[in-house]
Amino acid sequence: MQKNIWIFNHYATETFNNKGGRHFFFAKYLVENGFRVTIFCASTIHSSDEEIVISNNFFDIKNISGIEYVFIKTPTYSGNGKKRLFNMIAFYRNLLKFSKISERYCGKPDIILASSVHPLTLLAGIKISRKFNVKCICEVRDLWPMTLVEIGALRSNSLVTKLLYQGEKIIYKKADALIFTMEGGKDYILEKKWENQIALSKIFHINNGVDLSEFKRQSELNKFYDEDLESKNKFKVVYTGSIIETNAVDFIINSAKELVEYNIIFLIYGDGNKRKELEEKCKCENITNVVFKGKKEKKYIPYILKNADLNIMTGIYTKNLYKYGLSLNKMFEYIASEKPILSNIECNYDLLKKYGCGVTVSGESYKSLKDGILLFYNMKKEKIAEFSKNSAVASQDYDFKKLTQKLINIINIYTN
């Protein structure tokens, strides 16, 4: 009998447009394995002016690649202020509202997978699962409020923070199962001393990953000419992603400033609220070896990464945020490119170290990043080839086709 899986992810809207992303790939391979899958997401797209036009009062349904998408009406917003909070609340309320008529459109679920970022989606998953008398798996992709505390958005001892931690514990306790994208999920529960209320036996780990066949297909199909990227005369250091405070792209710029005399070019693909400031810095300080390429469509990223000599990822320095592991989407795209990776995001369960496909340097100073760049710049081709070979092994382990089998195993535990 076909199992009906509902996935709640406020921010999965972009996966509909891109035909990619964690839950799109999960859904793709679940469908291949005989499941029916519906993804519930907001009508608005995070960090974008785009939105899905809603033809009904508060929802709309579309189908792509055999996957049903239910778009829940949410108000537009920009930034991380009150309007974004209202957007979250609207998604929560309208999702609960839709659940009253959902069987007419989506059938009855056999299980619900509710995914953060924010906890209201997890709460909605638990409430709606009780309505249908099915299990709810809560997927934790970010530790709230810990992430907000670590980036300075919340004070660690404030009343709001304490209430959020209490709410987090209640959600984890009520969830039938927990999937952490970071490997140290059990460590987190133990350190919070919650193990007497939250059974460790219901905690699982499925990291982010890459759809390997799709990555390879895109890299061959979506090529474009970029003079700097095609250059054979320079050592190309490539960054892809948002240019925002938490990604600490300024570390790359400061490193580049000290490497102007070397035959190295830094190619920055992406956009964000820090881009203009960093472009102005490069102009004022004569940092001529950095080129801001702007945001590229997702389909071009595989080709860009495969043409780099070194792919680089950066983040703000924090002692606690990554102590439970690292699960950045871009890391797995970097791994799939089979090019060396340099990171300054210090973490436990370091996959770059585990597989030998990259190097992690200290995140406290850009000078460590600069030294890491020079390490690869001066590295012999034979050693570079070892990193590429190790990346090929790692990418197989984090292929979504394989990760979906792990998810199916968990689903079977809670639906049989």
Protein backbone atom coordinates (compact mmCIF):
# COMPACT_ATOMS: atom_id res chain seq x y z
CA MET A 1 0.00 0.00 0.00
CA GLN A 2 1.32 3.44 -0.99
CA LYS A 3 2.34 5.55 1.99
CA ASN A 4 1.37 9.22 2.00
CA ILE A 5 4.14 11.47 3.33
CA TRP A 6 3.56 15.13 4.20
CA ILE A 7 6.60 17.42 4.49
CA PHE A 8 6.23 20.81 6.20
CA ASN A 9 8.98 23.31 5.35
CA HIS A 10 8.15 27.01 5.42
CA TYR A 11 11.07 27.83 3.10
CA ALA A 12 10.74 25.00 0.56
CA THR A 13 9.14 27.38 -1.97
CA GLU A 14 12.43 27.96 -3.75
CA THR A 15 12.87 24.19 -4.19
CA PHE A 16 9.77 24.25 -6.42
CA ASN A 17 11.33 26.87 -8.69
CA ASN A 18 14.81 25.34 -8.66
CA LYS A 19 13.72 21.69 -8.76
CA GLY A 20 16.34 21.08 -6.11
CA GLY A 21 17.08 21.28 -2.40
CA ARG A 22 16.87 18.90 0.54
CA HIS A 23 13.15 18.20 0.54
CA PHE A 24 12.74 18.23 -3.22
CA PHE A 25 15.41 15.54 -3.50
CA PHE A 26 13.94 13.56 -0.62
CA ALA A 27 10.54 13.77 -2.32
CA LYS A 28 12.01 12.81 -5.70
CA TYR A 29 13.51 9.58 -4.38
CA LEU A 30 10.56 8.83 -2.10
CA VAL A 31 8.30 8.99 -5.17
CA GLU A 32 10.70 6.69 -7.02
CA ASN A 33 10.29 4.26 -4.11
CA GLY A 34 6.51 4.27 -4.37
CA PHE A 35 5.56 6.95 -1.82
CA ARG A 36 3.10 9.78 -2.34
CA VAL A 37 4.68 13.05 -1.23
CA THR A 38 3.21 16.50 -0.55
CA ILE A 39 5.42 19.45 0.40
CA PHE A 40 3.74 22.31 2.31
CA CYS A 41 5.54 25.67 2.09
CA ALA A 42 4.96 29.44 2.11
CA SER A 43 3.81 31.41 -0.92
CA THR A 44 6.67 33.86 -0.38
CA ILE A 45 10.33 33.15 -1.15
CA HIS A 46 12.86 34.02 1.54
CA SER A 47 15.34 36.82 0.66
CA SER A 48 13.45 37.52 -2.56
CA ASP A 49 10.71 39.78 -3.92
CA GLU A 50 9.22 36.78 -5.73
CA GLU A 51 6.18 34.86 -4.55
CA ILE A 52 3.78 32.21 -5.76
CA VAL A 53 0.48 33.76 -6.85
CA ILE A 54 -2.34 32.19 -4.83
CA SER A 55 -5.49 31.53 -6.87
CA ASN A 56 -7.55 30.38 -3.87
CA ASN A 57 -8.19 32.31 -0.68
CA PHE A 58 -5.22 31.13 1.39
CA PHE A 59 -3.58 28.22 -0.47
CA ASP A 60 -2.79 26.82 -3.88
CA ILE A 61 -1.65 23.40 -5.12
CA LYS A 62 0.78 22.62 -7.92
CA ASN A 63 2.45 19.41 -9.09
CA ILE A 64 5.99 19.06 -10.36
CA SER A 65 7.89 15.86 -11.14
CA GLY A 66 5.20 13.82 -9.40
CA ILE A 67 5.54 15.88 -6.20
CA GLU A 68 2.57 17.85 -4.89
CA TYR A 69 3.27 21.32 -3.48
CA VAL A 70 0.77 23.12 -1.27
CA PHE A 71 1.57 26.84 -1.10
CA ILE A 72 0.25 28.48 2.05
CA LYS A 73 -0.53 32.19 1.75
CA THR A 74 1.92 34.38 3.67
CA PRO A 75 2.57 38.16 3.62
CA THR A 76 5.67 39.54 1.92
CA TYR A 77 8.61 40.82 3.95
CA SER A 78 12.25 41.80 3.70
CA GLY A 79 15.03 41.45 6.24
CA ASN A 80 14.66 39.87 9.67
CA GLY A 81 12.33 42.30 11.41
CA LYS A 82 8.72 42.15 12.58
CA LYS A 83 7.36 41.50 9.10
CA ARG A 84 9.31 38.26 8.90
CA LEU A 85 7.85 37.21 12.26
CA PHE A 86 4.36 37.98 10.95
CA ASN A 87 5.17 35.86 7.90
CA MET A 88 6.07 32.92 10.18
CA ILE A 89 2.89 33.30 12.22
CA ALA A 90 0.76 33.50 9.07
CA PHE A 91 2.29 30.28 7.74
CA TYR A 92 1.57 28.53 11.02
CA ARG A 93 -2.03 29.74 11.24
CA ASN A 94 -2.92 29.11 7.60
CA LEU A 95 -1.29 25.68 7.68
CA LEU A 96 -3.53 24.74 10.62
CA LYS A 97 -6.48 26.24 8.75
CA PHE A 98 -5.72 24.21 5.61
CA SER A 99 -5.44 21.00 7.64
CA LYS A 100 -9.21 21.20 8.23
CA ILE A 101 -9.86 20.66 4.51
CA SER A 102 -6.60 18.98 3.49
CA GLU A 103 -7.95 15.43 3.07
CA ARG A 104 -10.09 16.64 0.17
CA TYR A 105 -6.93 17.66 -1.73
CA CYS A 106 -4.06 15.61 -0.30
CA GLY A 107 -5.60 12.50 1.21
CA LYS A 108 -4.83 11.39 4.75
CA PRO A 109 -1.15 11.38 5.73
CA ASP A 110 0.56 8.27 7.04
CA ILE A 111 3.28 10.36 8.64
CA ILE A 112 4.32 14.02 8.83
CA LEU A 113 7.90 15.30 8.53
CA ALA A 114 7.98 18.83 9.95
CA SER A 115 11.21 20.72 9.34
CA SER A 116 12.57 23.85 11.00
CA VAL A 117 14.18 26.57 10.54
CA HIS A 118 11.71 28.18 12.96
CA PRO A 119 9.89 26.17 15.66
CA LEU A 120 6.35 27.13 14.63
CA THR A 121 6.56 24.70 11.71
CA LEU A 122 7.50 21.91 14.11
CA LEU A 123 4.63 22.86 16.40
CA ALA A 124 2.21 22.80 13.46
CA GLY A 125 3.48 19.35 12.48
CA ILE A 126 2.86 17.97 15.96
CA LYS A 127 -0.63 19.51 16.20
CA ILE A 128 -1.76 18.31 12.77
CA SER A 129 -0.31 14.82 13.29
CA ARG A 130 -2.45 14.47 16.43
CA LYS A 131 -5.52 15.49 14.42
CA PHE A 132 -4.88 12.63 11.96
CA ASN A 133 -3.62 10.22 14.63
CA VAL A 134 -0.27 9.71 12.86
CA LYS A 135 3.35 10.15 13.95
CA CYS A 136 5.29 13.37 13.51
CA ILE A 137 9.02 13.42 12.78
CA CYS A 138 10.53 16.80 13.64
CA GLU A 139 13.59 17.66 11.58
CA VAL A 140 16.02 20.07 13.22
CA ARG A 141 18.14 21.99 10.72
CA ASP A 142 19.00 24.89 13.02
CA LEU A 143 19.21 25.02 16.80
CA TRP A 144 16.83 27.77 17.88
CA PRO A 145 17.36 29.80 20.00
CA MET A 146 21.03 28.81 20.28
CA THR A 147 21.80 30.04 16.76
CA LEU A 148 20.24 33.43 17.52
CA VAL A 149 22.25 33.71 20.73
CA GLU A 150 25.52 32.80 19.00
CA ILE A 151 25.10 35.39 16.24
CA GLY A 152 24.20 38.05 18.78
CA ALA A 153 20.49 38.41 17.91
CA LEU A 154 19.42 37.34 21.43
CA ARG A 155 21.00 37.72 24.86
CA SER A 156 21.77 34.35 26.43
CA ASN A 157 20.13 35.14 29.78
CA SER A 158 17.11 37.10 28.58
CA LEU A 159 13.58 36.01 29.47
CA VAL A 160 12.74 35.58 25.77
CA THR A 161 15.72 33.26 25.29
CA LYS A 162 14.81 31.17 28.33
CA LEU A 163 11.23 30.85 27.09
CA LEU A 164 12.44 29.80 23.64
CA TYR A 165 14.68 27.10 25.13
CA GLN A 166 11.71 25.86 27.16
CA GLY A 167 9.59 25.77 24.02
CA GLU A 168 12.32 23.91 22.15
CA LYS A 169 12.43 21.25 24.85
CA ILE A 170 8.65 20.82 24.79
CA ILE A 171 8.64 20.39 21.00
CA TYR A 172 11.44 17.79 21.13
CA LYS A 173 9.60 15.97 23.91
CA LYS A 174 6.30 15.85 21.99
CA ALA A 175 7.86 14.84 18.67
CA ASP A 176 7.59 11.13 17.92
CA ALA A 177 11.06 11.21 16.39
CA LEU A 178 13.80 13.78 15.80
CA ILE A 179 16.12 14.02 12.81
CA PHE A 180 19.07 16.36 13.29
CA THR A 181 20.99 17.46 10.20
CA MET A 182 24.03 17.97 12.41
CA GLU A 183 25.70 14.78 13.63
CA GLY A 184 25.88 15.82 17.28
CA GLY A 185 22.13 16.02 17.96
CA LYS A 186 22.39 13.53 20.83
CA ASP A 187 25.31 15.52 22.26
CA TYR A 188 23.09 18.61 22.31
CA ILE A 189 20.31 16.83 24.22
CA LEU A 190 22.82 15.43 26.72
CA GLU A 191 24.50 18.79 27.29
CA LYS A 192 21.11 20.40 27.91
CA LYS A 193 20.42 17.55 30.40
CA TRP A 194 17.15 16.75 28.66
CA GLU A 195 17.76 13.02 28.16
CA ASN A 196 15.36 12.04 30.96
CA GLN A 197 12.51 13.75 29.09
CA ILE A 198 13.64 13.20 25.49
CA ALA A 199 14.53 9.59 24.68
CA LEU A 200 17.86 9.30 22.87
CA SER A 201 16.45 6.27 21.03
CA LYS A 202 14.16 8.54 18.99
CA ILE A 203 17.01 10.77 17.81
CA PHE A 204 18.41 10.20 14.31
CA HIS A 205 20.86 11.96 12.01
CA ILE A 206 20.56 12.65 8.29
CA ASN A 207 22.96 15.30 7.07
CA ASN A 208 22.39 17.55 4.09
CA GLY A 209 23.76 16.24 0.83
CA VAL A 210 23.76 16.49 -2.93
CA ASP A 211 21.81 14.83 -5.72
CA LEU A 212 24.92 13.52 -7.41
CA SER A 213 23.36 12.54 -10.73
CA GLU A 214 21.66 15.94 -10.99
CA PHE A 215 24.86 17.78 -10.03
CA LYS A 216 26.79 16.01 -12.79
CA ARG A 217 24.00 16.59 -15.30
CA GLN A 218 23.83 20.31 -14.49
CA SER A 219 27.60 20.73 -14.68
CA GLU A 220 27.60 19.34 -18.22
CA LEU A 221 24.36 20.89 -19.43
CA ASN A 222 24.60 24.43 -18.01
CA LYS A 223 27.94 25.79 -19.08
CA PHE A 224 28.58 29.47 -19.64
CA TYR A 225 31.55 31.57 -20.64
CA ASP A 226 33.32 33.48 -17.89
CA GLU A 227 36.76 34.74 -18.80
CA ASP A 228 38.07 34.61 -15.24
CA LEU A 229 36.61 31.19 -14.53
CA GLU A 230 38.07 29.79 -17.76
CA SER A 231 41.54 31.19 -17.06
CA LYS A 232 44.36 28.64 -17.01
CA ASN A 233 46.94 31.23 -15.98
CA LYS A 234 45.67 32.03 -12.51
CA PHE A 235 44.89 30.04 -9.36
CA LYS A 236 41.12 30.46 -8.97
CA VAL A 237 39.66 30.66 -5.47
CA VAL A 238 35.85 30.46 -5.70
CA TYR A 239 33.15 31.39 -3.19
CA THR A 240 29.45 30.78 -3.87
CA GLY A 241 26.62 31.85 -1.59
CA SER A 242 25.09 34.80 0.19
CA ILE A 243 27.26 37.79 0.99
CA ILE A 244 25.91 38.46 4.45
CA GLU A 245 27.31 39.06 7.94
CA THR A 246 27.15 35.45 9.13
CA ASN A 247 29.04 34.15 6.09
CA ALA A 248 32.04 36.40 6.87
CA VAL A 249 33.06 36.99 3.25
CA ASP A 250 35.18 39.89 4.55
CA PHE A 251 37.68 37.24 5.70
CA ILE A 252 38.16 36.30 2.04
CA ILE A 253 38.57 39.94 1.05
CA ASN A 254 41.15 40.58 3.79
CA SER A 255 43.06 37.47 2.72
CA ALA A 256 42.98 38.58 -0.90
CA LYS A 257 44.44 41.96 0.07
CA GLU A 258 47.58 40.27 1.36
CA LEU A 259 47.80 38.04 -1.72
CA VAL A 260 47.59 40.71 -4.43
CA GLU A 261 51.15 40.00 -5.54
CA TYR A 262 50.41 36.30 -6.08
CA ASN A 263 48.98 34.78 -9.24
CA ILE A 264 45.65 34.21 -7.46
CA ILE A 265 42.19 35.48 -8.38
CA PHE A 266 39.18 35.42 -6.03
CA LEU A 267 35.81 34.92 -7.71
CA ILE A 268 32.78 35.74 -5.53
CA TYR A 269 29.48 34.40 -6.87
CA GLY A 270 26.50 35.62 -4.87
CA ASP A 271 24.69 38.63 -3.50
CA GLY A 272 23.60 40.01 -0.15
CA ASN A 273 23.48 43.08 2.06
CA LYS A 274 27.28 43.12 2.58
CA ARG A 275 28.18 43.04 -1.11
CA LYS A 276 28.25 46.81 -1.77
CA GLU A 277 30.32 47.43 1.34
CA LEU A 278 32.89 44.82 0.35
CA GLU A 279 33.01 46.01 -3.26
CA GLU A 280 33.69 49.53 -1.99
CA LYS A 281 36.42 48.17 0.29
CA CYS A 282 38.12 46.49 -2.65
CA LYS A 283 37.91 49.69 -4.67
CA CYS A 284 39.18 51.98 -1.90
CA GLU A 285 42.00 49.66 -0.80
CA ASN A 286 43.04 48.68 -4.32
CA ILE A 287 42.30 44.97 -3.82
CA THR A 288 42.47 44.15 -7.53
CA ASN A 289 42.44 40.36 -7.33
CA VAL A 290 38.77 40.05 -6.27
CA VAL A 291 35.92 39.93 -8.79
CA PHE A 292 32.30 40.07 -7.65
CA LYS A 293 30.30 38.07 -10.17
CA GLY A 294 26.83 38.58 -8.74
CA LYS A 295 24.20 35.96 -8.09
CA LYS A 296 24.01 33.11 -10.60
CA GLU A 297 21.12 30.75 -11.18
CA LYS A 298 21.41 27.56 -9.17
CA LYS A 299 21.82 25.49 -12.31
CA TYR A 300 25.18 27.15 -13.03
CA ILE A 301 26.74 26.44 -9.62
CA PRO A 302 28.04 22.92 -10.46
CA TYR A 303 29.90 24.23 -13.52
CA ILE A 304 31.36 27.13 -11.52
CA LEU A 305 32.61 24.89 -8.70
CA LYS A 306 34.10 22.29 -11.04
CA ASN A 307 36.18 25.00 -12.72
CA ALA A 308 37.71 26.32 -9.50
CA ASP A 309 41.18 25.42 -8.24
CA LEU A 310 40.01 25.88 -4.65
CA ASN A 311 36.48 26.27 -3.30
CA ILE A 312 36.22 28.25 -0.09
CA MET A 313 33.55 28.61 2.60
CA THR A 314 33.62 31.00 5.52
CA GLY A 315 31.55 31.85 8.58
CA ILE A 316 31.64 34.02 11.66
CA TYR A 317 33.78 32.73 14.49
CA THR A 318 31.80 31.15 17.32
CA LYS A 319 32.81 28.68 20.00
CA ASN A 320 29.50 26.85 20.28
CA LEU A 321 27.41 27.09 17.11
CA TYR A 322 29.17 24.30 15.22
CA LYS A 323 30.21 22.10 18.14
CA TYR A 324 27.46 19.65 17.15
CA GLY A 325 28.52 19.42 13.51
CA LEU A 326 28.21 21.31 10.25
CA SER A 327 25.56 20.79 7.59
CA LEU A 328 25.83 23.63 5.09
CA ASN A 329 24.23 22.88 1.72
CA LYS A 330 27.14 24.42 -0.15
CA MET A 331 29.62 22.07 1.52
CA PHE A 332 28.12 19.09 -0.26
CA GLU A 333 28.05 20.91 -3.60
CA TYR A 334 31.71 21.74 -3.01
CA ILE A 335 32.42 18.08 -2.25
CA ALA A 336 30.59 16.95 -5.40
CA SER A 337 32.78 19.26 -7.51
CA GLU A 338 35.77 17.06 -6.58
CA LYS A 339 37.93 20.12 -6.02
CA PRO A 340 39.86 20.91 -2.81
CA ILE A 341 37.90 22.78 -0.12
CA LEU A 342 39.12 25.34 2.39
CA SER A 343 36.96 26.30 5.38
CA ASN A 344 37.41 28.50 8.43
CA ILE A 345 34.28 27.11 10.13
CA GLU A 346 35.68 25.10 13.02
CA CYS A 347 33.35 22.30 14.04
CA ASN A 348 33.11 18.89 15.63
CA TYR A 349 32.36 15.99 13.28
CA ASP A 350 34.43 17.77 10.62
CA LEU A 351 33.63 16.00 7.33
CA LEU A 352 36.50 17.70 5.47
CA LYS A 353 38.93 16.14 7.94
CA LYS A 354 37.07 12.81 8.11
CA TYR A 355 37.25 12.26 4.36
CA GLY A 356 40.44 14.19 3.66
CA CYS A 357 38.70 16.28 1.01
CA GLY A 358 39.57 19.67 2.43
CA VAL A 359 41.22 21.65 5.22
CA THR A 360 39.63 23.59 8.08
CA VAL A 361 41.67 26.45 9.54
CA SER A 362 41.10 28.63 12.60
CA GLY A 363 38.13 30.97 12.31
CA GLU A 364 39.50 33.62 14.66
CA SER A 365 41.66 35.44 12.11
CA TYR A 366 41.66 35.95 8.35
CA LYS A 367 45.41 35.25 8.43
CA SER A 368 44.68 31.56 9.00
CA LEU A 369 42.51 31.62 5.89
CA LYS A 370 45.30 33.33 3.94
CA ASP A 371 47.77 30.64 5.05
CA GLY A 372 45.30 27.95 4.00
CA ILE A 373 45.00 29.48 0.52
CA LEU A 374 48.78 29.52 0.17
CA LEU A 375 48.91 25.89 1.32
CA PHE A 376 46.81 24.85 -1.67
CA TYR A 377 48.45 27.37 -4.00
CA ASN A 378 51.85 25.77 -3.38
CA MET A 379 50.55 22.18 -3.22
CA LYS A 380 51.85 19.59 -5.68
CA LYS A 381 49.43 18.21 -8.26
CA GLU A 382 49.69 14.71 -6.82
CA LYS A 383 48.45 15.93 -3.44
CA ILE A 384 45.64 17.94 -5.07
CA ALA A 385 44.58 14.74 -6.84
CA GLU A 386 44.28 12.99 -3.47
CA PHE A 387 41.80 15.63 -2.27
CA SER A 388 39.77 15.17 -5.46
CA LYS A 389 39.73 11.39 -5.06
CA ASN A 390 38.60 11.69 -1.44
CA SER A 391 35.82 14.12 -2.44
CA ALA A 392 34.48 11.52 -4.88
CA VAL A 393 34.18 9.04 -2.00
CA ALA A 394 32.48 11.56 0.29
CA SER A 395 29.99 12.64 -2.37
CA GLN A 396 28.81 9.05 -2.76
CA ASP A 397 28.08 8.83 0.98
CA TYR A 398 26.06 12.06 0.91
CA ASP A 399 24.16 11.44 -2.31
CA PHE A 400 20.45 12.11 -1.68
CA LYS A 401 19.61 8.79 -3.26
CA LYS A 402 21.46 7.14 -0.37
CA LEU A 403 20.25 9.62 2.27
CA THR A 404 16.63 8.98 1.25
CA GLN A 405 17.07 5.31 2.10
CA LYS A 406 18.00 6.39 5.63
CA LEU A 407 14.82 8.47 5.75
CA ILE A 408 12.72 5.55 4.48
CA ASN A 409 14.13 3.34 7.23
CA ILE A 410 13.02 5.89 9.85
CA ILE A 411 9.59 6.30 8.23
CA ASN A 412 9.10 2.54 8.30
CA ILE A 413 9.86 2.41 12.03
CA TYR A 414 7.04 4.87 12.74
CA THR A 415 4.45 3.69 10.19
CA ASN A 416 4.64 -0.12 10.49
